[in-house]
Amino acid sequence: MKKIFLLLALALAASFCFSQSILWKVTGKKIKSPSYLYGTIHIQDKRVFAFDNTVTDAFNSCDAFAMEILMDEIDPKESQEATLMKDGKTLKTIMSAEDYKLLDSAFTAATGASLLLYNKMKPFFISSAMMQAGMKQDMETALDLYFLQNARKAGKSCYGVEKFMDQINAIDAISLEDQVKMLMDGIKDTTSDDGNNKEEEQFADLLDAYLTFNLDKALEMSSDPSLPAEFNQAFLINRNIGMAKNFLKIAKKQSLFCAVGAAHLPGEQGVISHLRKAGLTVEPVVFKWKEE
């Protein structure tokens, strides 16, 4: 909903001042053999799965696979607790009665569920749930999980380049009040000038940018100066440092195919830049999408 949801889909934004690709080959004396970075988008739309054999060959050539968080090893209890507010806070206690009523209506319309069941959930995760409910779900799972499943089937070593709590701490860097504001701004601003659903139009444009490797456009669409500086620092910049460090740690021992949100890769403080500063060569690999 609004730009914050576009940020969620691409795992936030960086400066896309690179050749246009989402597949990057990583080589250098510090690593065992050629490894790869692949920019993902966390959706189940079949179009983002239609990469050609260039991507598949890169994936198959590597002994190990990594993603942001190793999703199939997250403790369900820890995951559930991380989404909930503490100290007795609920959506009803941190929102005005008018906003809560509006959110309740919008949430039920989007998900088919009553907001009362999610009254303790942090507004950030309410936003995420509503976004996911409105997306196409052609495939059984999201793109990053698809790679993980195939890595498990192939017997590859699987890793996370960050810890679960790294992401949660980054989310918690934005106050509940600001989370509510972003959530309600999105709900109240869903209709474009021509009467169409603005959120759907924005996401369609974002997906088009991803599929055409036009990441400069994706950055322009996703950038939101209203986000607190602390959130950007924690959710993007600090995480990129850790991702690059752990990529190198794994790639020193095994050839690695690493799939992370596309927006983590570029920019002066992106993963690609950090790997280059570590003395590695990082080059774009061109590929095409298969036609239906």
C-alpha atoms as a PDB file:
ATOM      1  CA  MET A   1       0.000   0.000   0.000  1.00  0.00           C
ATOM      2  CA  LYS A   2       1.542   3.198  -1.242  1.00  0.00           C
ATOM      3  CA  LYS A   3       5.326   3.299  -1.586  1.00  0.00           C
ATOM      4  CA  ILE A   4       6.114   1.440   1.629  1.00  0.00           C
ATOM      5  CA  PHE A   5       4.630  -1.701   0.073  1.00  0.00           C
ATOM      6  CA  LEU A   6       6.737  -1.298  -3.036  1.00  0.00           C
ATOM      7  CA  LEU A   7       9.726  -1.137  -0.730  1.00  0.00           C
ATOM      8  CA  LEU A   8       8.656  -4.363   0.926  1.00  0.00           C
ATOM      9  CA  ALA A   9       8.421  -6.195  -2.380  1.00  0.00           C
ATOM     10  CA  LEU A  10      11.947  -5.267  -3.413  1.00  0.00           C
ATOM     11  CA  ALA A  11      13.348  -5.275   0.135  1.00  0.00           C
ATOM     12  CA  LEU A  12      13.768  -1.506   0.084  1.00  0.00           C
ATOM     13  CA  ALA A  13      15.665   0.745  -2.258  1.00  0.00           C
ATOM     14  CA  ALA A  14      19.250   1.679  -2.955  1.00  0.00           C
ATOM     15  CA  SER A  15      20.894   3.699  -5.717  1.00  0.00           C
ATOM     16  CA  PHE A  16      20.639   1.691  -8.928  1.00  0.00           C
ATOM     17  CA  CYS A  17      23.637   3.177 -10.741  1.00  0.00           C
ATOM     18  CA  PHE A  18      24.760  -0.101 -12.331  1.00  0.00           C
ATOM     19  CA  SER A  19      24.423  -1.972 -15.605  1.00  0.00           C
ATOM     20  CA  GLN A  20      20.904  -3.272 -15.815  1.00  0.00           C
ATOM     21  CA  SER A  21      20.865  -6.867 -14.628  1.00  0.00           C
ATOM     22  CA  ILE A  22      19.685  -8.832 -11.637  1.00  0.00           C
ATOM     23  CA  LEU A  23      22.229 -11.660 -12.118  1.00  0.00           C
ATOM     24  CA  TRP A  24      25.855 -10.901 -11.189  1.00  0.00           C
ATOM     25  CA  LYS A  25      28.960 -13.087 -11.438  1.00  0.00           C
ATOM     26  CA  VAL A  26      31.444 -12.783  -8.583  1.00  0.00           C
ATOM     27  CA  THR A  27      35.086 -13.838  -9.040  1.00  0.00           C
ATOM     28  CA  GLY A  28      38.420 -13.191  -7.383  1.00  0.00           C
ATOM     29  CA  LYS A  29      41.370 -14.731  -5.577  1.00  0.00           C
ATOM     30  CA  LYS A  30      39.581 -14.567  -2.232  1.00  0.00           C
ATOM     31  CA  ILE A  31      36.853 -17.041  -3.222  1.00  0.00           C
ATOM     32  CA  LYS A  32      37.070 -20.689  -4.233  1.00  0.00           C
ATOM     33  CA  SER A  33      35.383 -20.427  -7.654  1.00  0.00           C
ATOM     34  CA  PRO A  34      32.889 -18.221  -9.527  1.00  0.00           C
ATOM     35  CA  SER A  35      29.787 -17.403  -7.472  1.00  0.00           C
ATOM     36  CA  TYR A  36      26.602 -15.461  -8.234  1.00  0.00           C
ATOM     37  CA  LEU A  37      24.295 -12.834  -6.814  1.00  0.00           C
ATOM     38  CA  TYR A  38      20.672 -12.834  -7.963  1.00  0.00           C
ATOM     39  CA  GLY A  39      18.170 -10.090  -7.203  1.00  0.00           C
ATOM     40  CA  THR A  40      14.774 -11.444  -6.227  1.00  0.00           C
ATOM     41  CA  ILE A  41      11.329 -10.020  -5.645  1.00  0.00           C
ATOM     42  CA  HIS A  42       9.178 -11.670  -2.976  1.00  0.00           C
ATOM     43  CA  ILE A  43       6.092 -12.516  -5.011  1.00  0.00           C
ATOM     44  CA  GLN A  44       4.405 -15.561  -6.573  1.00  0.00           C
ATOM     45  CA  ASP A  45       3.726 -14.046  -9.990  1.00  0.00           C
ATOM     46  CA  LYS A  46       4.774 -16.566 -12.659  1.00  0.00           C
ATOM     47  CA  ARG A  47       6.437 -13.883 -14.761  1.00  0.00           C
ATOM     48  CA  VAL A  48       9.372 -13.546 -12.352  1.00  0.00           C
ATOM     49  CA  PHE A  49       9.986 -17.290 -12.613  1.00  0.00           C
ATOM     50  CA  ALA A  50      10.389 -17.231 -16.416  1.00  0.00           C
ATOM     51  CA  PHE A  51      14.167 -16.713 -16.458  1.00  0.00           C
ATOM     52  CA  ASP A  52      16.102 -18.547 -19.154  1.00  0.00           C
ATOM     53  CA  ASN A  53      18.791 -21.209 -18.766  1.00  0.00           C
ATOM     54  CA  THR A  54      21.443 -18.600 -18.023  1.00  0.00           C
ATOM     55  CA  VAL A  55      20.059 -18.267 -14.497  1.00  0.00           C
ATOM     56  CA  THR A  56      19.412 -21.992 -14.125  1.00  0.00           C
ATOM     57  CA  ASP A  57      22.941 -22.855 -15.258  1.00  0.00           C
ATOM     58  CA  ALA A  58      24.424 -20.381 -12.780  1.00  0.00           C
ATOM     59  CA  PHE A  59      22.326 -21.893  -9.997  1.00  0.00           C
ATOM     60  CA  ASN A  60      23.272 -25.463 -10.956  1.00  0.00           C
ATOM     61  CA  SER A  61      26.976 -24.626 -11.169  1.00  0.00           C
ATOM     62  CA  CYS A  62      27.200 -23.729  -7.493  1.00  0.00           C
ATOM     63  CA  ASP A  63      27.680 -26.061  -4.540  1.00  0.00           C
ATOM     64  CA  ALA A  64      25.901 -23.808  -2.066  1.00  0.00           C
ATOM     65  CA  PHE A  65      22.806 -21.608  -1.945  1.00  0.00           C
ATOM     66  CA  ALA A  66      22.117 -18.620   0.276  1.00  0.00           C
ATOM     67  CA  MET A  67      19.172 -16.277   0.791  1.00  0.00           C
ATOM     68  CA  GLU A  68      18.537 -13.409   3.179  1.00  0.00           C
ATOM     69  CA  ILE A  69      17.128 -15.612   5.945  1.00  0.00           C
ATOM     70  CA  LEU A  70      17.077 -19.395   5.787  1.00  0.00           C
ATOM     71  CA  MET A  71      13.295 -19.531   5.877  1.00  0.00           C
ATOM     72  CA  ASP A  72      12.836 -23.240   6.569  1.00  0.00           C
ATOM     73  CA  GLU A  73      14.910 -23.030   9.749  1.00  0.00           C
ATOM     74  CA  ILE A  74      13.081 -20.147  11.445  1.00  0.00           C
ATOM     75  CA  ASP A  75      11.512 -21.073  14.780  1.00  0.00           C
ATOM     76  CA  PRO A  76       7.735 -20.626  14.247  1.00  0.00           C
ATOM     77  CA  LYS A  77       7.257 -19.452  17.835  1.00  0.00           C
ATOM     78  CA  GLU A  78      10.033 -16.885  17.509  1.00  0.00           C
ATOM     79  CA  SER A  79       8.587 -15.706  14.201  1.00  0.00           C
ATOM     80  CA  GLN A  80       5.097 -15.270  15.624  1.00  0.00           C
ATOM     81  CA  GLU A  81       6.315 -13.431  18.707  1.00  0.00           C
ATOM     82  CA  ALA A  82       8.365 -11.044  16.569  1.00  0.00           C
ATOM     83  CA  THR A  83       5.257  -9.812  14.766  1.00  0.00           C
ATOM     84  CA  LEU A  84       3.414  -8.909  17.974  1.00  0.00           C
ATOM     85  CA  MET A  85       3.442  -5.703  19.992  1.00  0.00           C
ATOM     86  CA  LYS A  86       4.527  -5.877  23.608  1.00  0.00           C
ATOM     87  CA  ASP A  87       3.512  -4.262  26.904  1.00  0.00           C
ATOM     88  CA  GLY A  88      -0.183  -4.874  26.309  1.00  0.00           C
ATOM     89  CA  LYS A  89      -0.309  -2.651  23.225  1.00  0.00           C
ATOM     90  CA  THR A  90      -2.881  -3.419  20.543  1.00  0.00           C
ATOM     91  CA  LEU A  91      -4.022  -1.766  17.354  1.00  0.00           C
ATOM     92  CA  LYS A  92      -6.989  -0.393  19.253  1.00  0.00           C
ATOM     93  CA  THR A  93      -4.793   1.218  21.886  1.00  0.00           C
ATOM     94  CA  ILE A  94      -2.344   2.875  19.469  1.00  0.00           C
ATOM     95  CA  MET A  95      -4.885   4.027  16.853  1.00  0.00           C
ATOM     96  CA  SER A  96      -7.780   6.428  16.906  1.00  0.00           C
ATOM     97  CA  ALA A  97     -11.225   4.832  16.838  1.00  0.00           C
ATOM     98  CA  GLU A  98     -11.841   6.329  13.404  1.00  0.00           C
ATOM     99  CA  ASP A  99      -8.616   4.948  11.916  1.00  0.00           C
ATOM    100  CA  TYR A 100      -9.165   1.536  13.492  1.00  0.00           C
ATOM    101  CA  LYS A 101     -12.628   1.314  11.964  1.00  0.00           C
ATOM    102  CA  LEU A 102     -11.280   2.252   8.544  1.00  0.00           C
ATOM    103  CA  LEU A 103      -8.423  -0.248   8.856  1.00  0.00           C
ATOM    104  CA  ASP A 104     -10.809  -2.992   9.974  1.00  0.00           C
ATOM    105  CA  SER A 105     -12.910  -2.496   6.858  1.00  0.00           C
ATOM    106  CA  ALA A 106      -9.900  -2.362   4.514  1.00  0.00           C
ATOM    107  CA  PHE A 107      -8.198  -5.368   6.124  1.00  0.00           C
ATOM    108  CA  THR A 108     -11.302  -7.550   5.886  1.00  0.00           C
ATOM    109  CA  ALA A 109     -11.826  -6.519   2.259  1.00  0.00           C
ATOM    110  CA  ALA A 110      -8.212  -7.378   1.397  1.00  0.00           C
ATOM    111  CA  THR A 111      -7.748 -10.601   3.351  1.00  0.00           C
ATOM    112  CA  GLY A 112     -11.228 -11.906   4.152  1.00  0.00           C
ATOM    113  CA  ALA A 113     -10.303 -12.048   7.839  1.00  0.00           C
ATOM    114  CA  SER A 114     -11.373  -9.971  10.820  1.00  0.00           C
ATOM    115  CA  LEU A 115      -8.828  -7.468  12.091  1.00  0.00           C
ATOM    116  CA  LEU A 116      -9.791  -8.473  15.649  1.00  0.00           C
ATOM    117  CA  LEU A 117      -7.774 -11.674  15.188  1.00  0.00           C
ATOM    118  CA  TYR A 118      -4.661  -9.592  14.475  1.00  0.00           C
ATOM    119  CA  ASN A 119      -5.195  -6.876  17.075  1.00  0.00           C
ATOM    120  CA  LYS A 120      -1.763  -7.392  18.667  1.00  0.00           C
ATOM    121  CA  MET A 121       0.165  -7.442  15.382  1.00  0.00           C
ATOM    122  CA  LYS A 122       2.574  -4.619  14.594  1.00  0.00           C
ATOM    123  CA  PRO A 123       1.225  -2.282  11.894  1.00  0.00           C
ATOM    124  CA  PHE A 124       4.189  -3.130   9.627  1.00  0.00           C
ATOM    125  CA  PHE A 125       3.054  -6.739   9.425  1.00  0.00           C
ATOM    126  CA  ILE A 126      -0.574  -5.713   8.911  1.00  0.00           C
ATOM    127  CA  SER A 127       0.670  -3.788   5.876  1.00  0.00           C
ATOM    128  CA  SER A 128       2.592  -6.800   4.640  1.00  0.00           C
ATOM    129  CA  ALA A 129      -0.390  -9.143   5.057  1.00  0.00           C
ATOM    130  CA  MET A 130      -2.657  -6.831   3.081  1.00  0.00           C
ATOM    131  CA  MET A 131      -0.069  -6.451   0.337  1.00  0.00           C
ATOM    132  CA  GLN A 132       0.485 -10.194  -0.031  1.00  0.00           C
ATOM    133  CA  ALA A 133      -3.261 -10.874  -0.109  1.00  0.00           C
ATOM    134  CA  GLY A 134      -3.676  -8.575  -3.093  1.00  0.00           C
ATOM    135  CA  MET A 135      -0.931 -10.099  -5.228  1.00  0.00           C
ATOM    136  CA  LYS A 136      -1.197 -12.699  -7.950  1.00  0.00           C
ATOM    137  CA  GLN A 137      -0.319 -16.155  -6.706  1.00  0.00           C
ATOM    138  CA  ASP A 138       0.312 -18.160  -9.866  1.00  0.00           C
ATOM    139  CA  MET A 139       3.072 -20.194  -8.226  1.00  0.00           C
ATOM    140  CA  GLU A 140       3.010 -22.260  -5.047  1.00  0.00           C
ATOM    141  CA  THR A 141       5.628 -20.158  -3.327  1.00  0.00           C
ATOM    142  CA  ALA A 142       7.544 -16.883  -3.625  1.00  0.00           C
ATOM    143  CA  LEU A 143      10.642 -16.668  -5.820  1.00  0.00           C
ATOM    144  CA  ASP A 144      13.265 -16.812  -3.065  1.00  0.00           C
ATOM    145  CA  LEU A 145      11.603 -19.856  -1.487  1.00  0.00           C
ATOM    146  CA  TYR A 146      11.465 -21.493  -4.922  1.00  0.00           C
ATOM    147  CA  PHE A 147      15.253 -21.285  -5.114  1.00  0.00           C
ATOM    148  CA  LEU A 148      15.560 -22.665  -1.582  1.00  0.00           C
ATOM    149  CA  GLN A 149      13.341 -25.644  -2.384  1.00  0.00           C
ATOM    150  CA  ASN A 150      15.380 -26.462  -5.467  1.00  0.00           C
ATOM    151  CA  ALA A 151      18.615 -26.091  -3.532  1.00  0.00           C
ATOM    152  CA  ARG A 152      17.370 -28.571  -0.928  1.00  0.00           C
ATOM    153  CA  LYS A 153      16.320 -31.031  -3.648  1.00  0.00           C
ATOM    154  CA  ALA A 154      19.753 -30.752  -5.274  1.00  0.00           C
ATOM    155  CA  GLY A 155      21.509 -31.399  -1.965  1.00  0.00           C
ATOM    156  CA  LYS A 156      23.245 -28.030  -1.885  1.00  0.00           C
ATOM    157  CA  SER A 157      24.506 -26.545   1.346  1.00  0.00           C
ATOM    158  CA  CYS A 158      22.028 -23.819   2.340  1.00  0.00           C
ATOM    159  CA  TYR A 159      22.716 -20.665   4.321  1.00  0.00           C
ATOM    160  CA  GLY A 160      21.239 -17.359   5.393  1.00  0.00           C
ATOM    161  CA  VAL A 161      23.380 -14.266   4.875  1.00  0.00           C
ATOM    162  CA  GLU A 162      21.685 -12.662   7.854  1.00  0.00           C
ATOM    163  CA  LYS A 163      19.812 -13.662  10.987  1.00  0.00           C
ATOM    164  CA  PHE A 164      16.053 -13.497  11.444  1.00  0.00           C
ATOM    165  CA  MET A 165      16.363 -10.907  14.185  1.00  0.00           C
ATOM    166  CA  ASP A 166      18.440  -8.654  11.911  1.00  0.00           C
ATOM    167  CA  GLN A 167      15.295  -8.012   9.896  1.00  0.00           C
ATOM    168  CA  ILE A 168      13.047  -7.745  12.941  1.00  0.00           C
ATOM    169  CA  ASN A 169      15.364  -5.238  14.617  1.00  0.00           C
ATOM    170  CA  ALA A 170      15.365  -3.190  11.422  1.00  0.00           C
ATOM    171  CA  ILE A 171      11.566  -3.159  11.370  1.00  0.00           C
ATOM    172  CA  ASP A 172      11.453  -2.224  15.036  1.00  0.00           C
ATOM    173  CA  ALA A 173      13.686   0.764  14.259  1.00  0.00           C
ATOM    174  CA  ILE A 174      10.562   2.533  13.029  1.00  0.00           C
ATOM    175  CA  SER A 175       8.190   3.545  15.813  1.00  0.00           C
ATOM    176  CA  LEU A 176       4.692   2.117  16.103  1.00  0.00           C
ATOM    177  CA  GLU A 177       3.325   5.616  15.570  1.00  0.00           C
ATOM    178  CA  ASP A 178       5.185   5.932  12.271  1.00  0.00           C
ATOM    179  CA  GLN A 179       4.112   2.427  11.252  1.00  0.00           C
ATOM    180  CA  VAL A 180       0.481   3.410  11.851  1.00  0.00           C
ATOM    181  CA  LYS A 181       0.915   6.615   9.853  1.00  0.00           C
ATOM    182  CA  MET A 182       2.383   4.797   6.842  1.00  0.00           C
ATOM    183  CA  LEU A 183      -0.320   2.155   7.023  1.00  0.00           C
ATOM    184  CA  MET A 184      -3.166   4.639   7.153  1.00  0.00           C
ATOM    185  CA  ASP A 185      -1.636   6.925   4.523  1.00  0.00           C
ATOM    186  CA  GLY A 186      -1.645   3.956   2.175  1.00  0.00           C
ATOM    187  CA  ILE A 187      -5.232   3.012   2.936  1.00  0.00           C
ATOM    188  CA  LYS A 188      -6.469   6.564   2.480  1.00  0.00           C
ATOM    189  CA  ASP A 189      -4.566   7.052  -0.775  1.00  0.00           C
ATOM    190  CA  THR A 190      -5.567   4.129  -3.001  1.00  0.00           C
ATOM    191  CA  THR A 191      -7.407   5.827  -5.866  1.00  0.00           C
ATOM    192  CA  SER A 192      -5.619   7.471  -8.783  1.00  0.00           C
ATOM    193  CA  ASP A 193      -6.861  10.520 -10.657  1.00  0.00           C
ATOM    194  CA  ASP A 194      -8.494   8.331 -13.316  1.00  0.00           C
ATOM    195  CA  GLY A 195     -10.424   6.354 -10.696  1.00  0.00           C
ATOM    196  CA  ASN A 196      -8.305   3.186 -10.871  1.00  0.00           C
ATOM    197  CA  ASN A 197      -6.639   1.502  -7.910  1.00  0.00           C
ATOM    198  CA  LYS A 198      -3.405   3.417  -7.365  1.00  0.00           C
ATOM    199  CA  GLU A 199      -1.733   0.622  -5.422  1.00  0.00           C
ATOM    200  CA  GLU A 200      -2.345  -1.878  -8.232  1.00  0.00           C
ATOM    201  CA  GLU A 201      -1.057   0.575 -10.833  1.00  0.00           C
ATOM    202  CA  GLN A 202       2.100   1.291  -8.830  1.00  0.00           C
ATOM    203  CA  PHE A 203       2.864  -2.371  -8.313  1.00  0.00           C
ATOM    204  CA  ALA A 204       2.271  -3.125 -12.011  1.00  0.00           C
ATOM    205  CA  ASP A 205       4.778  -0.407 -12.880  1.00  0.00           C
ATOM    206  CA  LEU A 206       7.249  -1.773 -10.329  1.00  0.00           C
ATOM    207  CA  LEU A 207       6.963  -5.301 -11.709  1.00  0.00           C
ATOM    208  CA  ASP A 208       7.465  -3.977 -15.228  1.00  0.00           C
ATOM    209  CA  ALA A 209      10.628  -2.220 -14.054  1.00  0.00           C
ATOM    210  CA  TYR A 210      11.901  -5.460 -12.507  1.00  0.00           C
ATOM    211  CA  LEU A 211      11.150  -7.546 -15.605  1.00  0.00           C
ATOM    212  CA  THR A 212      12.838  -5.027 -17.899  1.00  0.00           C
ATOM    213  CA  PHE A 213      15.812  -4.701 -15.520  1.00  0.00           C
ATOM    214  CA  ASN A 214      15.016  -1.000 -15.243  1.00  0.00           C
ATOM    215  CA  LEU A 215      16.140  -0.708 -11.664  1.00  0.00           C
ATOM    216  CA  ASP A 216      16.613   3.043 -11.900  1.00  0.00           C
ATOM    217  CA  LYS A 217      12.848   3.273 -12.380  1.00  0.00           C
ATOM    218  CA  ALA A 218      12.267   0.841  -9.521  1.00  0.00           C
ATOM    219  CA  LEU A 219      14.335   3.051  -7.256  1.00  0.00           C
ATOM    220  CA  GLU A 220      12.440   6.153  -8.304  1.00  0.00           C
ATOM    221  CA  MET A 221       9.118   4.440  -7.585  1.00  0.00           C
ATOM    222  CA  SER A 222      10.190   2.906  -4.294  1.00  0.00           C
ATOM    223  CA  SER A 223      12.009   5.850  -2.745  1.00  0.00           C
ATOM    224  CA  ASP A 224      10.005   7.433   0.043  1.00  0.00           C
ATOM    225  CA  PRO A 225      11.648  10.366   1.870  1.00  0.00           C
ATOM    226  CA  SER A 226       8.957  10.141   4.544  1.00  0.00           C
ATOM    227  CA  LEU A 227      10.599   7.000   5.938  1.00  0.00           C
ATOM    228  CA  PRO A 228      12.627   7.763   9.067  1.00  0.00           C
ATOM    229  CA  ALA A 229      16.403   7.849   8.540  1.00  0.00           C
ATOM    230  CA  GLU A 230      16.834   5.257  11.302  1.00  0.00           C
ATOM    231  CA  PHE A 231      14.665   2.811   9.376  1.00  0.00           C
ATOM    232  CA  ASN A 232      16.658   3.206   6.159  1.00  0.00           C
ATOM    233  CA  GLN A 233      19.938   2.842   8.035  1.00  0.00           C
ATOM    234  CA  ALA A 234      18.852  -0.301   9.847  1.00  0.00           C
ATOM    235  CA  PHE A 235      16.750  -1.969   7.155  1.00  0.00           C
ATOM    236  CA  LEU A 236      19.040  -1.366   4.217  1.00  0.00           C
ATOM    237  CA  ILE A 237      22.515   0.011   4.846  1.00  0.00           C
ATOM    238  CA  ASN A 238      23.444  -2.050   7.910  1.00  0.00           C
ATOM    239  CA  ARG A 239      21.975  -5.227   6.435  1.00  0.00           C
ATOM    240  CA  ASN A 240      23.908  -4.802   3.186  1.00  0.00           C
ATOM    241  CA  ILE A 241      27.172  -4.774   5.120  1.00  0.00           C
ATOM    242  CA  GLY A 242      26.276  -8.034   6.835  1.00  0.00           C
ATOM    243  CA  MET A 243      25.063  -9.677   3.619  1.00  0.00           C
ATOM    244  CA  ALA A 244      28.315  -8.905   1.791  1.00  0.00           C
ATOM    245  CA  LYS A 245      30.431 -10.097   4.717  1.00  0.00           C
ATOM    246  CA  ASN A 246      28.575 -13.399   4.964  1.00  0.00           C
ATOM    247  CA  PHE A 247      28.530 -13.889   1.184  1.00  0.00           C
ATOM    248  CA  LEU A 248      32.323 -13.678   1.175  1.00  0.00           C
ATOM    249  CA  LYS A 249      32.608 -15.976   4.183  1.00  0.00           C
ATOM    250  CA  ILE A 250      30.600 -18.693   2.429  1.00  0.00           C
ATOM    251  CA  ALA A 251      32.108 -18.185  -1.041  1.00  0.00           C
ATOM    252  CA  LYS A 252      35.609 -18.679   0.345  1.00  0.00           C
ATOM    253  CA  LYS A 253      34.666 -22.313   1.032  1.00  0.00           C
ATOM    254  CA  GLN A 254      32.055 -23.158  -1.629  1.00  0.00           C
ATOM    255  CA  SER A 255      30.838 -21.774  -4.939  1.00  0.00           C
ATOM    256  CA  LEU A 256      27.698 -19.835  -4.032  1.00  0.00           C
ATOM    257  CA  PHE A 257      24.429 -18.780  -5.642  1.00  0.00           C
ATOM    258  CA  CYS A 258      23.002 -16.082  -3.388  1.00  0.00           C
ATOM    259  CA  ALA A 259      19.456 -14.753  -3.884  1.00  0.00           C
ATOM    260  CA  VAL A 260      18.549 -11.571  -2.025  1.00  0.00           C
ATOM    261  CA  GLY A 261      16.094  -8.739  -2.592  1.00  0.00           C
ATOM    262  CA  ALA A 262      17.094  -6.944  -5.802  1.00  0.00           C
ATOM    263  CA  ALA A 263      17.420  -3.557  -4.118  1.00  0.00           C
ATOM    264  CA  HIS A 264      20.128  -4.793  -1.780  1.00  0.00           C
ATOM    265  CA  LEU A 265      22.572  -5.246  -4.658  1.00  0.00           C
ATOM    266  CA  PRO A 266      23.366  -1.815  -6.145  1.00  0.00           C
ATOM    267  CA  GLY A 267      24.363   1.586  -4.859  1.00  0.00           C
ATOM    268  CA  GLU A 268      27.403   2.970  -3.097  1.00  0.00           C
ATOM    269  CA  GLN A 269      26.362   1.104   0.030  1.00  0.00           C
ATOM    270  CA  GLY A 270      24.934  -1.958  -1.701  1.00  0.00           C
ATOM    271  CA  VAL A 271      26.170  -5.544  -1.561  1.00  0.00           C
ATOM    272  CA  ILE A 272      27.890  -5.293  -4.953  1.00  0.00           C
ATOM    273  CA  SER A 273      29.855  -2.254  -3.872  1.00  0.00           C
ATOM    274  CA  HIS A 274      30.901  -3.895  -0.614  1.00  0.00           C
ATOM    275  CA  LEU A 275      32.138  -6.998  -2.459  1.00  0.00           C
ATOM    276  CA  ARG A 276      34.114  -4.861  -4.898  1.00  0.00           C
ATOM    277  CA  LYS A 277      35.682  -2.973  -2.006  1.00  0.00           C
ATOM    278  CA  ALA A 278      36.728  -6.377  -0.631  1.00  0.00           C
ATOM    279  CA  GLY A 279      38.733  -6.928  -3.822  1.00  0.00           C
ATOM    280  CA  LEU A 280      36.276  -9.086  -5.772  1.00  0.00           C
ATOM    281  CA  THR A 281      35.208  -8.644  -9.388  1.00  0.00           C
ATOM    282  CA  VAL A 282      31.424  -8.357  -9.745  1.00  0.00           C
ATOM    283  CA  GLU A 283      30.068  -8.333 -13.306  1.00  0.00           C
ATOM    284  CA  PRO A 284      26.500  -8.271 -14.675  1.00  0.00           C
ATOM    285  CA  VAL A 285      25.306 -11.356 -16.528  1.00  0.00           C
ATOM    286  CA  VAL A 286      22.761 -10.762 -19.269  1.00  0.00           C
ATOM    287  CA  PHE A 287      19.770 -13.088 -19.597  1.00  0.00           C
ATOM    288  CA  LYS A 288      16.283 -13.032 -21.070  1.00  0.00           C
ATOM    289  CA  TRP A 289      12.810 -13.932 -19.887  1.00  0.00           C
ATOM    290  CA  LYS A 290      11.124 -16.831 -21.663  1.00  0.00           C
ATOM    291  CA  GLU A 291       8.063 -15.969 -23.693  1.00  0.00           C
ATOM    292  CA  GLU A 292       4.808 -17.697 -22.723  1.00  0.00           C
END
